Protein backbone atom coordinates (compact mmCIF):
# COMPACT_ATOMS: atom_id res chain seq x y z
CA MET A 1 125.16 120.14 114.39
CA VAL A 2 122.32 120.65 111.95
CA SER A 3 121.92 124.00 110.25
CA TYR A 4 119.11 126.38 111.10
CA HIS A 5 118.09 126.46 107.42
CA GLU A 6 117.81 122.69 107.17
CA ALA A 7 115.49 122.52 110.17
CA PHE A 8 113.37 125.40 108.82
CA ILE A 9 113.05 123.92 105.32
CA THR A 10 112.27 120.45 106.66
CA ALA A 11 109.57 121.79 108.99
CA PHE A 12 108.03 123.87 106.22
CA THR A 13 108.18 121.05 103.69
CA LEU A 14 106.60 118.49 106.02
CA ALA A 15 103.95 120.81 107.48
CA ILE A 16 102.35 121.39 104.08
CA PRO A 17 101.49 117.72 103.38
CA ALA A 18 100.63 117.17 107.04
CA GLU A 19 98.03 119.93 106.78
CA MET A 20 96.60 118.74 103.44
CA TYR A 21 92.93 117.87 103.96
CA ASP A 22 93.49 117.78 107.69
CA LYS A 23 90.86 118.11 110.42
CA SER A 24 91.77 121.75 110.86
CA GLN A 25 91.29 122.43 107.14
CA ILE A 26 87.87 120.80 107.28
CA ALA A 27 87.12 123.04 110.28
CA ILE A 28 88.28 126.07 108.30
CA LEU A 29 85.97 125.21 105.40
CA PHE A 30 83.09 124.84 107.85
CA LEU A 31 83.92 128.15 109.56
CA LEU A 32 83.96 129.93 106.20
CA THR A 33 80.24 129.20 105.93
CA ARG A 34 79.63 131.23 109.11
CA PHE A 35 82.30 133.94 109.29
CA THR A 36 84.30 136.26 107.04
CA PRO A 37 87.55 134.99 105.51
CA SER A 38 89.66 137.40 107.57
CA GLN A 39 88.06 136.25 110.82
CA VAL A 40 88.55 132.59 109.90
CA PHE A 41 92.13 133.12 108.74
CA SER A 42 93.29 134.98 111.86
CA GLY A 43 91.47 132.64 114.24
CA ALA A 44 92.59 129.45 112.47
CA VAL A 45 96.26 130.42 112.26
CA SER A 46 96.26 131.49 115.93
CA GLY A 47 94.58 128.28 117.10
CA ILE A 48 96.83 125.97 115.09
CA LEU A 49 99.99 127.73 116.26
CA LEU A 50 98.86 127.82 119.90
CA ALA A 51 98.22 124.08 119.81
CA ASN A 52 101.57 123.18 118.27
CA ILE A 53 104.20 125.62 119.57
CA PRO A 54 104.26 124.24 123.16
CA VAL A 55 104.62 120.70 121.77
CA ILE A 56 107.54 121.80 119.58
CA ILE A 57 109.28 123.49 122.51
CA LEU A 58 108.84 120.48 124.82
CA ALA A 59 110.04 118.05 122.14
CA SER A 60 113.09 120.24 121.48
CA LEU A 61 113.96 120.21 125.16
CA ALA A 62 113.59 116.42 125.25
CA GLY A 63 115.72 116.13 122.11
CA MET A 64 118.60 117.89 123.84
CA THR A 65 118.91 114.95 126.23
CA ILE A 66 118.60 112.14 123.66
CA GLU A 67 121.36 110.99 121.34
CA THR A 68 120.96 112.01 117.67
CA SER A 69 120.97 108.43 116.40
CA TYR A 70 117.93 107.62 118.56
CA THR A 71 116.00 110.69 117.43
CA ALA A 72 116.81 109.92 113.79
CA ALA A 73 115.55 106.36 114.29
CA LEU A 74 112.34 107.63 115.90
CA CYS A 75 111.75 110.09 113.05
CA PHE A 76 112.48 107.40 110.47
CA ALA A 77 109.94 105.04 112.01
CA PHE A 78 107.33 107.76 112.61
CA PHE A 79 107.48 109.15 109.06
CA ILE A 80 107.31 105.70 107.46
CA ILE A 81 104.33 104.73 109.65
CA ILE A 82 102.49 108.01 108.92
CA GLY A 83 103.21 107.63 105.19
CA ILE A 84 101.91 104.07 105.06
CA TYR A 85 98.87 105.06 107.11
CA MET A 86 98.09 107.86 104.66
CA LEU A 87 98.52 105.56 101.66
CA TYR A 88 96.12 102.94 102.96
CA SER A 89 93.53 104.98 104.87
CA ARG A 90 90.79 107.34 103.87
CA PRO A 91 91.03 111.09 104.48
CA PRO A 92 89.12 112.28 107.54
CA GLY A 93 85.45 112.88 106.93
CA ASN A 94 83.20 115.45 108.46
CA VAL A 95 84.69 116.12 111.90
CA ILE A 96 82.63 119.21 112.58
CA ARG A 97 79.22 119.08 114.19
CA LYS A 98 76.66 121.58 112.96
CA ASP A 99 75.78 122.69 116.50
CA VAL A 100 79.17 124.22 117.34
CA HIS A 101 78.85 126.65 120.23
CA GLU A 102 79.89 130.09 119.07
CA CYS A 103 81.56 132.72 121.24
CA LYS A 104 80.68 136.39 120.89
CA ASN A 105 83.97 136.97 119.06
CA PRO A 106 84.14 135.11 115.71
CA VAL A 107 87.96 135.12 115.69
CA PHE A 108 87.99 133.50 119.13
CA THR A 109 85.45 130.88 117.96
CA CYS A 110 87.66 130.03 114.97
CA MET A 111 90.76 129.94 117.17
CA LEU A 112 89.19 127.57 119.70
CA LEU A 113 87.82 125.20 117.08
CA CYS A 114 91.16 124.95 115.25
CA PHE A 115 93.04 124.69 118.56
CA PHE A 116 91.02 121.65 119.63
CA THR A 117 91.05 119.96 116.21
CA GLU A 118 94.86 120.04 116.24
CA PHE A 119 95.31 117.92 119.39
CA GLY A 120 96.58 114.45 118.57
CA ASP A 121 96.83 115.38 114.91
CA LYS A 122 99.47 114.04 112.56
CA THR A 123 100.83 117.58 112.14
CA GLN A 124 101.51 117.75 115.86
CA GLY A 125 103.32 114.41 115.74
CA VAL A 126 105.39 115.41 112.73
CA MET A 127 106.47 118.73 114.23
CA ALA A 128 107.21 117.10 117.60
CA SER A 129 109.39 114.46 115.95
CA LEU A 130 111.30 117.11 113.97
CA ALA A 131 111.80 119.20 117.11
CA LEU A 132 112.98 116.10 118.96
CA HIS A 133 115.49 115.36 116.21
CA TYR A 134 116.79 118.90 115.59
CA SER A 135 116.62 119.97 119.27
CA THR A 136 116.14 123.59 118.32
CA PRO A 137 112.61 125.02 118.44
CA ALA A 138 113.03 128.35 116.61
CA PRO A 139 113.50 127.10 113.01
CA ILE A 140 110.85 124.40 113.49
CA ILE A 141 108.34 126.95 114.81
CA LEU A 142 109.13 129.42 112.02
CA GLY A 143 108.97 126.80 109.26
CA PHE A 144 105.74 125.41 110.67
CA ALA A 145 104.21 128.89 111.11
CA PHE A 146 105.06 129.85 107.54
CA ALA A 147 103.52 126.61 106.23
CA VAL A 148 100.36 127.05 108.34
CA ILE A 149 99.92 130.64 107.19
CA LEU A 150 100.42 129.63 103.55
CA SER A 151 98.15 126.57 103.63
CA THR A 152 95.42 128.42 105.57
CA TYR A 153 95.60 131.34 103.16
CA VAL A 154 95.17 129.00 100.20
CA VAL A 155 92.16 127.28 101.78
CA VAL A 156 90.52 130.56 102.80
CA SER A 157 91.23 132.41 99.56
CA PHE A 158 90.70 129.75 96.95
CA LYS A 159 88.17 127.38 98.52
CA ASP A 160 85.73 127.77 95.62
CA MET A 161 88.35 127.62 92.87
CA VAL A 162 90.23 124.49 93.84
CA ARG A 163 88.84 121.28 92.42
CA VAL A 164 91.11 118.40 93.33
CA ASN A 165 90.77 114.76 94.14
CA ILE A 166 91.13 114.62 97.91
CA PHE A 167 92.24 110.99 97.84
CA GLN A 168 95.10 111.81 95.46
CA ILE A 169 96.29 114.66 97.72
CA TYR A 170 96.13 112.39 100.75
CA ARG A 171 98.07 109.69 98.90
CA LEU A 172 100.65 112.23 97.70
CA SER A 173 101.15 113.27 101.33
CA GLY A 174 101.78 109.62 102.19
CA TYR A 175 104.50 109.36 99.55
CA ILE A 176 106.11 112.57 100.81
CA PHE A 177 106.25 111.21 104.37
CA ILE A 178 107.71 107.90 103.20
CA GLY A 179 110.33 109.86 101.23
CA PHE A 180 111.31 111.88 104.28
CA GLY A 181 111.34 108.68 106.33
CA ILE A 182 113.77 107.12 103.88
CA MET A 183 115.94 110.25 104.01
CA MET A 184 115.95 110.03 107.82
CA GLY A 185 116.89 106.36 107.54
CA LEU A 186 119.78 107.19 105.22
CA GLY A 187 120.85 109.93 107.62
CA LEU A 188 120.72 107.37 110.44
CA LEU A 189 123.03 105.08 108.47
CA ALA A 190 125.47 107.97 108.03
CA ILE A 191 125.41 108.63 111.79
CA LEU A 192 126.11 105.01 112.65
């Protein structure tokens, strides 16, 4: 059985590169042009967590019925594919339309926009595959939540100070996913 700490650290460590220059972060930058940082932060974190927690829970339940060697093989393949995709593709461009319908509550507007930008996102796939493999939702949810809060705080707080090459960050994320894929592959060999 895998330790609670291992699942937490893995979820936290993989959620950070999965969120780097993601659609939701582009949405957050857009929302910061319209609302206060505290409104954007609380709405964005809520929306991202609401979109991902049910997926983590369902994947954990499915993982309880699947043999560990199969889940390790799925994670190995998924992480390698995501890593290669990130190495050879461009970061997402402008995914936000200027005519976004706003609700009366700015926090709710931020929550809805981030909620919908998360569907089908690589972060959702990464967290689902980890939950499938570890079959325990609590450490995955906590590691993911901590990473989302940290990455959202950095984007909201330091958006004007950070000057980085987006392509290098995206490529670094690809290498991190390939590294975790290789580790999953080595873990699969140990299982077999």
